[in-house]
Amino acid sequence: MLKIWGRASSSNVQKVMWAVTEIGLPHERIDIGGPFGKNREKPYLDMNPNGLVPTIEEDDGFTLWESNSIVRYLAAKHRSSLEPADLKTRALAQKWMDWQLTVMAPAIGPLFMGMVRTPPAERNAKAIDDSKARTADAARMLDDQLGKTQFLAGDAFSYGDIPVGIMVWRFRELAPERQGGFRNLDRWYAAIAARPGFQQHVKAIPLT
């Protein structure tokens, strides 16, 4: 059975958990990292020298880390509809996965760290406000794209929607006052938020 190493509250682990739910893969998730520790111990570092989560381990001993790579690998291996069959549509889906890493995650990072991981008395209000503004700019890019297509890569849900969807959920939770004017994004968010993988592995997990 597929093993998924990583704590449920990690956004990167959530990508994989959402994907395996979409694919219907039997799996075992093992708590590691954060409050559970053990991610800097030799057995885990032998699988993932970064000491980060998630890592997957298959029955034949194959291991893979980097969340977006894991999602793409599992979708391709199991011939899931998460991976678009059309080459150009697939490239668009992968583009949005990369965009989540290079644009959306850095934008929202200070907001998450400030509001979730920092005691109120120690918060940097300017850094939080700047992060909200940068994330809102990223949300406007999404809204523009979603005015052209139903989902990020086209008119069908794909793995391109998963990493971005998790970031948008965090933005909505952490900056509800910045949610106005995203009509297309709101429509898309309602669609992805209704999916069982999102309900179980993103929305149901408290931000920590």
Protein backbone atom coordinates (compact mmCIF):
# COMPACT_ATOMS: atom_id res chain seq x y z
CA MET A 1 0.00 0.00 0.00
CA LEU A 2 1.16 3.52 -0.78
CA LYS A 3 2.62 5.29 2.25
CA ILE A 4 2.38 9.06 2.52
CA TRP A 5 4.75 10.54 5.07
CA GLY A 6 3.60 13.91 6.41
CA ARG A 7 1.28 15.66 8.83
CA ALA A 8 -2.28 16.42 7.77
CA SER A 9 -1.98 20.17 8.38
CA SER A 10 0.82 20.69 5.83
CA SER A 11 -0.45 22.34 2.66
CA ASN A 12 1.98 20.25 0.65
CA VAL A 13 0.75 17.02 2.21
CA GLN A 14 -2.81 18.17 1.54
CA LYS A 15 -2.05 18.32 -2.18
CA VAL A 16 -1.16 14.64 -2.18
CA MET A 17 -4.05 13.62 0.04
CA TRP A 18 -6.53 15.48 -2.16
CA ALA A 19 -5.01 13.85 -5.25
CA VAL A 20 -5.13 10.29 -3.90
CA THR A 21 -8.77 10.85 -2.96
CA GLU A 22 -9.52 11.99 -6.51
CA ILE A 23 -7.68 8.97 -7.92
CA GLY A 24 -9.18 6.54 -5.39
CA LEU A 25 -5.84 5.15 -4.22
CA PRO A 26 -5.57 3.02 -1.09
CA HIS A 27 -2.97 4.61 1.14
CA GLU A 28 -1.61 5.02 4.62
CA ARG A 29 -0.66 8.46 5.86
CA ILE A 30 2.01 8.60 8.57
CA ASP A 31 2.29 11.66 10.83
CA ILE A 32 5.74 13.21 10.62
CA GLY A 33 7.09 16.75 10.75
CA GLY A 34 5.87 19.74 12.75
CA PRO A 35 4.74 18.68 16.24
CA PHE A 36 5.37 15.02 15.37
CA GLY A 37 9.07 15.50 14.60
CA LYS A 38 11.15 12.63 13.20
CA ASN A 39 11.66 14.40 9.87
CA ARG A 40 15.27 15.18 10.80
CA GLU A 41 16.07 11.64 11.86
CA LYS A 42 18.16 9.36 9.68
CA PRO A 43 15.42 6.94 8.52
CA TYR A 44 13.41 9.80 7.07
CA LEU A 45 16.41 11.71 5.74
CA ASP A 46 17.45 8.56 3.88
CA MET A 47 14.21 8.92 1.92
CA ASN A 48 14.13 12.71 1.73
CA PRO A 49 17.39 14.56 2.43
CA ASN A 50 15.49 17.86 2.59
CA GLY A 51 13.78 16.71 5.77
CA LEU A 52 10.51 18.18 4.49
CA VAL A 53 7.09 16.65 3.92
CA PRO A 54 5.57 14.93 2.07
CA THR A 55 7.40 11.87 0.84
CA ILE A 56 5.69 8.87 -0.71
CA GLU A 57 6.92 5.31 -0.45
CA GLU A 58 5.62 2.54 -2.69
CA ASP A 59 5.60 -1.20 -2.06
CA ASP A 60 8.65 -1.76 -4.26
CA GLY A 61 10.67 0.75 -2.23
CA PHE A 62 10.39 3.62 -4.69
CA THR A 63 10.30 6.97 -2.89
CA LEU A 64 9.51 10.44 -4.18
CA TRP A 65 9.44 13.88 -2.60
CA GLU A 66 8.28 17.33 -3.76
CA SER A 67 4.51 17.58 -3.54
CA ASN A 68 3.69 18.72 -7.08
CA SER A 69 5.96 16.05 -8.54
CA ILE A 70 4.20 13.43 -6.41
CA VAL A 71 0.78 14.54 -7.61
CA ARG A 72 1.88 14.44 -11.26
CA TYR A 73 3.54 11.05 -10.83
CA LEU A 74 0.53 9.41 -9.20
CA ALA A 75 -1.88 10.86 -11.74
CA ALA A 76 0.26 9.62 -14.65
CA LYS A 77 0.90 6.20 -13.12
CA HIS A 78 -2.75 5.53 -12.47
CA ARG A 79 -3.97 7.17 -15.67
CA SER A 80 -6.15 9.53 -13.74
CA SER A 81 -8.21 12.27 -15.33
CA LEU A 82 -6.28 14.64 -13.04
CA GLU A 83 -3.64 14.60 -15.77
CA PRO A 84 -5.04 16.11 -18.98
CA ALA A 85 -4.64 13.84 -21.99
CA ASP A 86 -4.00 16.76 -24.33
CA LEU A 87 -0.34 17.81 -24.21
CA LYS A 88 -1.02 21.54 -24.30
CA THR A 89 -3.72 21.35 -21.63
CA ARG A 90 -1.37 19.25 -19.50
CA ALA A 91 1.32 21.91 -19.86
CA LEU A 92 -1.16 24.58 -18.75
CA ALA A 93 -2.08 22.54 -15.67
CA GLN A 94 1.57 22.10 -14.80
CA LYS A 95 2.16 25.81 -15.33
CA TRP A 96 -0.39 26.66 -12.65
CA MET A 97 1.18 24.15 -10.29
CA ASP A 98 4.52 25.90 -10.76
CA TRP A 99 2.85 29.31 -10.39
CA GLN A 100 1.55 28.25 -7.00
CA LEU A 101 5.14 27.62 -5.90
CA THR A 102 6.68 30.76 -7.38
CA VAL A 103 3.93 33.36 -6.96
CA MET A 104 1.03 32.38 -4.71
CA ALA A 105 2.94 30.63 -1.92
CA PRO A 106 5.55 33.41 -1.48
CA ALA A 107 2.76 36.01 -1.52
CA ILE A 108 0.68 34.37 1.18
CA GLY A 109 3.56 33.06 3.29
CA PRO A 110 3.99 36.11 5.56
CA LEU A 111 0.22 36.31 6.07
CA PHE A 112 0.07 32.68 7.16
CA MET A 113 3.12 32.92 9.41
CA GLY A 114 1.92 36.19 10.91
CA MET A 115 -1.67 35.20 11.60
CA VAL A 116 -1.25 31.51 12.41
CA ARG A 117 2.23 30.99 13.79
CA THR A 118 2.92 34.31 15.55
CA PRO A 119 1.36 35.44 18.86
CA PRO A 120 -0.82 38.55 18.40
CA ALA A 121 1.50 40.78 20.43
CA GLU A 122 4.44 39.90 18.19
CA ARG A 123 2.80 40.28 14.78
CA ASN A 124 4.23 42.59 12.15
CA ALA A 125 1.13 44.40 10.90
CA LYS A 126 2.87 45.89 7.85
CA ALA A 127 4.23 42.53 6.73
CA ILE A 128 0.78 41.00 7.11
CA ASP A 129 -0.91 43.82 5.17
CA ASP A 130 1.71 43.67 2.43
CA SER A 131 1.18 39.91 2.17
CA LYS A 132 -2.58 40.37 1.90
CA ALA A 133 -2.06 42.87 -0.94
CA ARG A 134 0.34 40.59 -2.82
CA THR A 135 -2.00 37.64 -2.43
CA ALA A 136 -4.93 39.73 -3.63
CA ASP A 137 -2.88 40.61 -6.73
CA ALA A 138 -2.33 36.90 -7.34
CA ALA A 139 -6.05 36.27 -6.82
CA ARG A 140 -6.81 38.86 -9.52
CA MET A 141 -4.62 36.91 -11.94
CA LEU A 142 -6.64 33.80 -11.12
CA ASP A 143 -9.91 35.65 -11.51
CA ASP A 144 -8.86 36.86 -14.94
CA GLN A 145 -7.94 33.34 -16.06
CA LEU A 146 -11.14 31.89 -14.66
CA GLY A 147 -13.12 34.39 -16.70
CA LYS A 148 -11.84 32.48 -19.74
CA THR A 149 -12.00 28.84 -18.58
CA GLN A 150 -14.03 26.86 -16.07
CA PHE A 151 -10.92 25.53 -14.34
CA LEU A 152 -7.34 26.73 -14.46
CA ALA A 153 -6.13 24.58 -17.36
CA GLY A 154 -9.39 24.44 -19.28
CA ASP A 155 -12.96 23.31 -18.83
CA ALA A 156 -12.22 20.20 -16.74
CA PHE A 157 -10.82 19.87 -13.22
CA SER A 158 -7.17 18.82 -13.24
CA TYR A 159 -4.18 18.59 -10.97
CA GLY A 160 -3.49 22.21 -11.86
CA ASP A 161 -6.37 23.23 -9.62
CA ILE A 162 -5.19 21.38 -6.51
CA PRO A 163 -2.17 23.39 -5.26
CA VAL A 164 -3.79 26.71 -6.12
CA GLY A 165 -7.05 25.68 -4.49
CA ILE A 166 -5.33 25.07 -1.17
CA MET A 167 -3.71 28.51 -1.27
CA VAL A 168 -7.00 30.21 -2.13
CA TRP A 169 -8.70 28.46 0.80
CA ARG A 170 -6.02 29.83 3.12
CA PHE A 171 -6.41 33.32 1.68
CA ARG A 172 -10.17 33.22 2.19
CA GLU A 173 -9.73 32.04 5.77
CA LEU A 174 -7.02 34.53 6.70
CA ALA A 175 -8.17 37.63 4.83
CA PRO A 176 -11.97 37.50 4.49
CA GLU A 177 -12.07 41.27 4.11
CA ARG A 178 -10.06 41.05 0.88
CA GLN A 179 -12.48 38.72 -0.96
CA GLY A 180 -14.59 41.24 -2.87
CA GLY A 181 -14.60 41.52 -6.65
CA PHE A 182 -13.49 37.98 -7.53
CA ARG A 183 -16.63 36.74 -9.26
CA ASN A 184 -14.88 34.15 -11.45
CA LEU A 185 -12.63 32.98 -8.65
CA ASP A 186 -15.64 32.60 -6.36
CA ARG A 187 -17.44 30.45 -8.93
CA TRP A 188 -14.37 28.20 -9.35
CA TYR A 189 -13.78 28.02 -5.61
CA ALA A 190 -17.34 26.84 -4.99
CA ALA A 191 -16.81 24.05 -7.51
CA ILE A 192 -13.51 22.79 -6.10
CA ALA A 193 -14.62 23.21 -2.48
CA ALA A 194 -17.49 20.77 -3.09
CA ARG A 195 -15.10 17.96 -4.03
CA PRO A 196 -14.65 15.23 -1.38
CA GLY A 197 -10.85 15.47 -1.43
CA PHE A 198 -11.01 19.16 -0.60
CA GLN A 199 -13.66 18.64 2.06
CA GLN A 200 -11.72 15.86 3.81
CA HIS A 201 -8.13 16.97 3.50
CA VAL A 202 -8.22 20.78 3.29
CA LYS A 203 -11.37 22.35 4.71
CA ALA A 204 -11.64 19.93 7.64
CA ILE A 205 -8.07 20.54 8.82
CA PRO A 206 -7.48 23.52 11.12
CA LEU A 207 -4.73 25.96 10.15
CA THR A 208 -1.71 25.41 12.40
